[in-house]
Protein backbone atom coordinates (compact mmCIF):
# COMPACT_ATOMS: atom_id res chain seq x y z
CA MET A 1 -3.19 7.88 21.52
CA GLY A 2 -1.91 7.43 17.95
CA ILE A 3 -2.63 4.38 15.46
CA THR A 4 -0.54 1.59 14.35
CA SER A 5 -0.89 0.61 10.60
CA ALA A 6 0.39 -2.32 8.55
CA TRP A 7 0.93 -2.54 4.81
CA SER A 8 1.66 -6.14 3.53
CA ILE A 9 2.25 -7.72 0.22
CA SER A 10 2.33 -11.52 0.35
CA ALA A 11 2.85 -14.11 -2.30
CA HIS A 12 0.51 -17.17 -2.46
CA ASP A 13 -0.41 -19.98 -4.76
CA ASP A 14 -3.40 -19.35 -7.04
CA ASP A 15 -5.72 -21.63 -4.95
CA LEU A 16 -5.30 -19.31 -2.06
CA ILE A 17 -5.66 -16.23 -4.31
CA SER A 18 -8.83 -17.55 -5.62
CA ALA A 19 -10.14 -17.88 -2.10
CA LEU A 20 -9.04 -14.48 -1.18
CA ALA A 21 -10.51 -12.75 -4.29
CA PRO A 22 -14.27 -13.00 -3.38
CA ARG A 23 -13.51 -11.45 0.08
CA LEU A 24 -11.11 -8.67 -0.79
CA LEU A 25 -12.07 -7.62 -4.41
CA PRO A 26 -15.56 -6.24 -3.55
CA LEU A 27 -13.85 -4.20 -0.71
CA ILE A 28 -11.30 -2.79 -2.82
CA ALA A 29 -13.95 -1.80 -5.41
CA ALA A 30 -16.03 -0.21 -2.73
CA GLU A 31 -13.03 1.97 -1.92
CA ARG A 32 -12.30 2.91 -5.46
CA ASP A 33 -15.78 3.76 -6.45
CA GLU A 34 -16.50 6.12 -3.70
CA PRO A 35 -16.95 9.56 -5.34
CA LEU A 36 -14.84 11.28 -2.58
CA ALA A 37 -11.95 8.84 -2.89
CA ARG A 38 -11.93 9.30 -6.66
CA GLU A 39 -11.85 13.06 -6.07
CA ARG A 40 -9.06 12.79 -3.60
CA TRP A 41 -7.00 10.66 -6.04
CA GLU A 42 -7.51 13.12 -8.95
CA ARG A 43 -6.61 16.08 -6.75
CA TRP A 44 -3.35 14.44 -5.79
CA ARG A 45 -2.66 13.88 -9.42
CA ARG A 46 -3.18 17.58 -10.14
CA GLU A 47 -1.59 18.90 -6.94
CA PRO A 48 1.11 16.67 -5.71
CA LEU A 49 2.50 17.91 -2.40
CA PRO A 50 6.00 19.36 -2.26
CA ASP A 51 8.98 18.46 -0.01
CA PHE A 52 7.34 16.81 3.03
CA ARG A 53 9.35 18.93 5.31
CA THR A 54 7.18 21.76 4.42
CA TRP A 55 4.00 20.06 5.67
CA TRP A 56 4.53 16.85 7.53
CA ASN A 57 4.51 16.66 11.29
CA PRO A 58 4.62 13.20 12.99
CA PHE A 59 2.90 14.57 16.08
CA GLY A 60 -0.16 16.04 14.38
CA GLN A 61 0.62 19.59 15.12
CA SER A 62 -0.12 22.35 12.68
CA CYS A 63 1.39 22.04 9.16
CA ARG A 64 2.21 24.65 6.67
CA GLY A 65 0.80 24.71 3.21
CA GLU A 66 -2.51 24.28 1.72
CA ALA A 67 -4.52 22.61 4.42
CA ASP A 68 -7.41 21.23 2.29
CA VAL A 69 -4.92 19.72 -0.22
CA LEU A 70 -2.90 18.03 2.73
CA GLU A 71 -6.15 16.77 4.27
CA SER A 72 -7.24 15.23 1.02
CA PHE A 73 -3.82 13.40 0.54
CA LEU A 74 -3.91 12.18 4.18
CA ALA A 75 -7.32 10.78 3.85
CA LEU A 76 -6.49 9.22 0.49
CA THR A 77 -3.53 7.31 1.94
CA ALA A 78 -5.17 6.20 5.19
CA SER A 79 -6.68 2.73 5.43
CA GLY A 80 -10.13 2.81 4.01
CA GLU A 81 -13.18 1.70 6.00
CA HIS A 82 -14.11 -1.15 3.63
CA VAL A 83 -10.68 -2.88 3.24
CA GLN A 84 -10.25 -2.42 7.08
CA LYS A 85 -12.87 -5.10 7.54
CA MET A 86 -10.19 -7.47 6.39
CA TYR A 87 -8.63 -6.81 9.79
CA ASP A 88 -11.63 -5.93 11.95
CA GLY A 89 -13.70 -8.84 10.63
CA LEU A 90 -16.03 -9.14 7.70
CA SER A 91 -19.05 -9.95 9.74
CA PRO A 92 -19.95 -11.76 13.17
CA ASP A 93 -20.57 -14.93 11.32
CA ASP A 94 -17.19 -14.88 9.41
CA ASP A 95 -14.09 -15.92 11.32
CA PHE A 96 -11.69 -14.83 8.58
CA SER A 97 -8.59 -13.15 10.04
CA LEU A 98 -5.96 -11.25 7.92
CA LEU A 99 -3.39 -12.49 10.50
CA THR A 100 -4.09 -16.18 10.37
CA ASP A 101 -5.61 -16.52 6.76
CA VAL A 102 -3.20 -14.33 4.88
CA TRP A 103 -0.13 -13.29 6.67
CA ASP A 104 0.51 -16.61 8.55
CA LEU A 105 0.08 -18.48 5.27
CA ALA A 106 3.14 -16.91 3.53
CA ASP A 107 5.65 -19.74 3.32
CA GLY A 108 8.55 -17.69 4.66
CA GLU A 109 9.88 -14.25 5.40
CA GLU A 110 10.91 -14.00 1.73
CA ASP A 111 7.20 -14.48 0.71
CA ILE A 112 6.01 -11.35 2.51
CA PHE A 113 6.73 -7.72 2.69
CA LEU A 114 5.24 -6.36 5.83
CA THR A 115 5.90 -2.81 7.36
CA VAL A 116 4.35 -1.81 10.52
CA GLN A 117 4.33 2.03 11.44
CA SER A 118 3.37 3.78 14.62
CA LYS A 119 1.36 6.98 14.08
CA GLU A 120 1.69 6.74 10.47
CA PHE A 121 0.63 4.77 7.30
CA ALA A 122 3.49 3.29 5.19
CA LEU A 123 1.56 3.71 1.99
CA ARG A 124 1.36 7.57 2.68
CA SER A 125 5.16 7.82 2.67
CA PHE A 126 5.44 5.47 -0.27
CA PHE A 127 2.90 7.37 -2.41
CA HIS A 128 4.58 10.66 -1.67
CA ALA A 129 8.01 9.39 -2.34
CA ILE A 130 7.11 7.99 -5.75
CA GLY A 131 4.53 10.65 -6.70
CA PRO A 132 1.18 10.30 -8.65
CA ASP A 133 2.66 9.57 -12.04
CA ARG A 134 4.27 6.51 -10.85
CA ALA A 135 1.55 5.48 -8.41
CA VAL A 136 -1.10 5.33 -11.17
CA LEU A 137 0.75 2.54 -12.85
CA LEU A 138 0.35 0.26 -9.96
CA PRO A 139 -2.66 -2.24 -9.85
CA GLY A 140 -5.47 -2.25 -7.34
CA TRP A 141 -6.24 0.66 -5.18
CA CYS A 142 -4.13 2.61 -2.72
CA GLY A 143 -1.81 -0.44 -1.94
CA ASN A 144 -4.73 -2.91 -1.97
CA PHE A 145 -4.87 -5.66 -4.52
CA VAL A 146 -5.47 -9.38 -5.23
CA LEU A 147 -3.71 -10.70 -8.21
CA THR A 148 -3.41 -14.21 -9.79
CA SER A 149 -0.03 -15.50 -10.94
CA ALA A 150 -0.99 -14.43 -14.51
CA GLU A 151 -1.96 -11.00 -13.43
CA VAL A 152 1.26 -10.65 -11.57
CA ARG A 153 3.23 -11.47 -14.73
CA ASP A 154 1.10 -9.13 -16.84
CA THR A 155 1.47 -6.25 -14.37
CA LEU A 156 5.18 -6.55 -13.81
CA PRO A 157 6.27 -4.36 -16.66
CA ALA A 158 4.13 -1.50 -15.31
CA VAL A 159 5.32 -2.06 -11.73
CA GLU A 160 8.93 -2.14 -13.01
CA GLN A 161 8.27 1.26 -14.79
CA ALA A 162 6.62 2.67 -11.58
CA LEU A 163 9.47 1.45 -9.15
CA GLY A 164 12.47 1.38 -11.37
CA PHE A 165 14.74 4.43 -10.77
CA THR A 166 17.82 5.94 -11.94
CA ALA A 167 20.42 6.68 -9.34
CA LYS A 168 19.14 10.42 -9.23
CA GLU A 169 15.50 9.32 -9.10
CA ARG A 170 16.14 6.81 -6.29
CA ALA A 171 17.97 9.56 -4.19
CA GLN A 172 15.00 11.92 -4.73
CA ALA A 173 12.50 9.09 -3.76
CA GLU A 174 14.39 8.25 -0.67
CA ASP A 175 14.71 11.88 0.34
CA GLN A 176 10.80 12.06 0.25
CA ASP A 177 10.26 8.83 2.28
CA TRP A 178 10.05 9.99 5.87
CA LEU A 179 9.77 6.44 7.45
CA GLY A 180 12.43 5.15 9.70
CA TYR A 181 13.98 1.73 9.15
CA GLY A 182 16.01 -0.61 11.27
CA ASP A 183 19.23 -2.21 9.79
CA GLU A 184 17.32 -5.35 8.64
CA GLU A 185 14.05 -3.68 7.68
CA GLU A 186 13.06 -3.50 4.03
CA SER A 187 11.97 -0.22 2.77
CA VAL A 188 8.64 0.79 0.94
CA LEU A 189 10.84 1.50 -2.08
CA ASP A 190 12.25 -2.01 -2.18
CA GLY A 191 9.67 -4.50 -0.85
CA PRO A 192 6.99 -4.02 -3.54
CA LEU A 193 9.17 -4.50 -6.42
CA ARG A 194 10.98 -7.34 -4.92
CA MET A 195 7.68 -9.17 -4.29
CA TRP A 196 6.52 -8.67 -7.73
CA ARG A 197 9.72 -9.93 -9.39
CA GLN A 198 9.87 -12.97 -7.06
CA ALA A 199 6.12 -13.86 -7.52
CA ALA A 200 6.34 -13.48 -11.33
CA ALA A 201 9.48 -15.83 -11.26
CA ASP A 202 7.75 -18.35 -9.06
CA ALA A 203 4.33 -18.32 -10.83
CA ARG A 204 2.56 -17.04 -7.68
CA GLY A 205 -0.13 -14.57 -6.97
CA LEU A 206 0.03 -11.45 -4.68
CA CYS A 207 -2.27 -10.01 -2.05
CA GLY A 208 -1.62 -6.33 -0.86
CA VAL A 209 -3.61 -4.90 2.00
CA SER A 210 -3.21 -1.58 3.99
CA VAL A 211 -4.99 -1.53 7.34
CA THR A 212 -4.91 0.11 10.83
CA ILE A 213 -4.05 -2.67 13.38
CA TYR A 214 -4.32 -0.66 16.62
């Protein structure tokens, strides 16, 4: 049985961001500071994977290419055990829930980008599509971040640089995003930049979390 994952970016007022930060920032730091995680990140920067059709298989069957390089990238872009606590529960004494205390507090559909994927991690396809040189410009760690309104404003130029494409670059990125989308579903190449621009315009903060939900 495969996993189901979710990657969300939601906009919130700074009061809520201030309440989320002590919970989430230490978890993100723990993910980022693990030596193996840093090693995987640097390896991906040195050895980005080629066209996904040469190695990706949604059914987990054997893939062509350098197995250890692929395994490293797959591990890097899966939900980490520390941030996963945001969904599984921080502790038996803490009833915090990502569903009710983050997602449900978004004011409307326009204030959250949420992609749910079966047998896949959306961040994985997103990172492969944009490549490491663009991914390194994004704040936080592997799709996870908590930013105040001021930090959103300050990081917007780098996010614009990371996710702004020429027509040719956009076509290339879309070709390397293997996720399937419904008619009304926002892609991983559109949602993050929309959220940054909107939050910056509205003077709001952002919370990004990549987790396994089943």
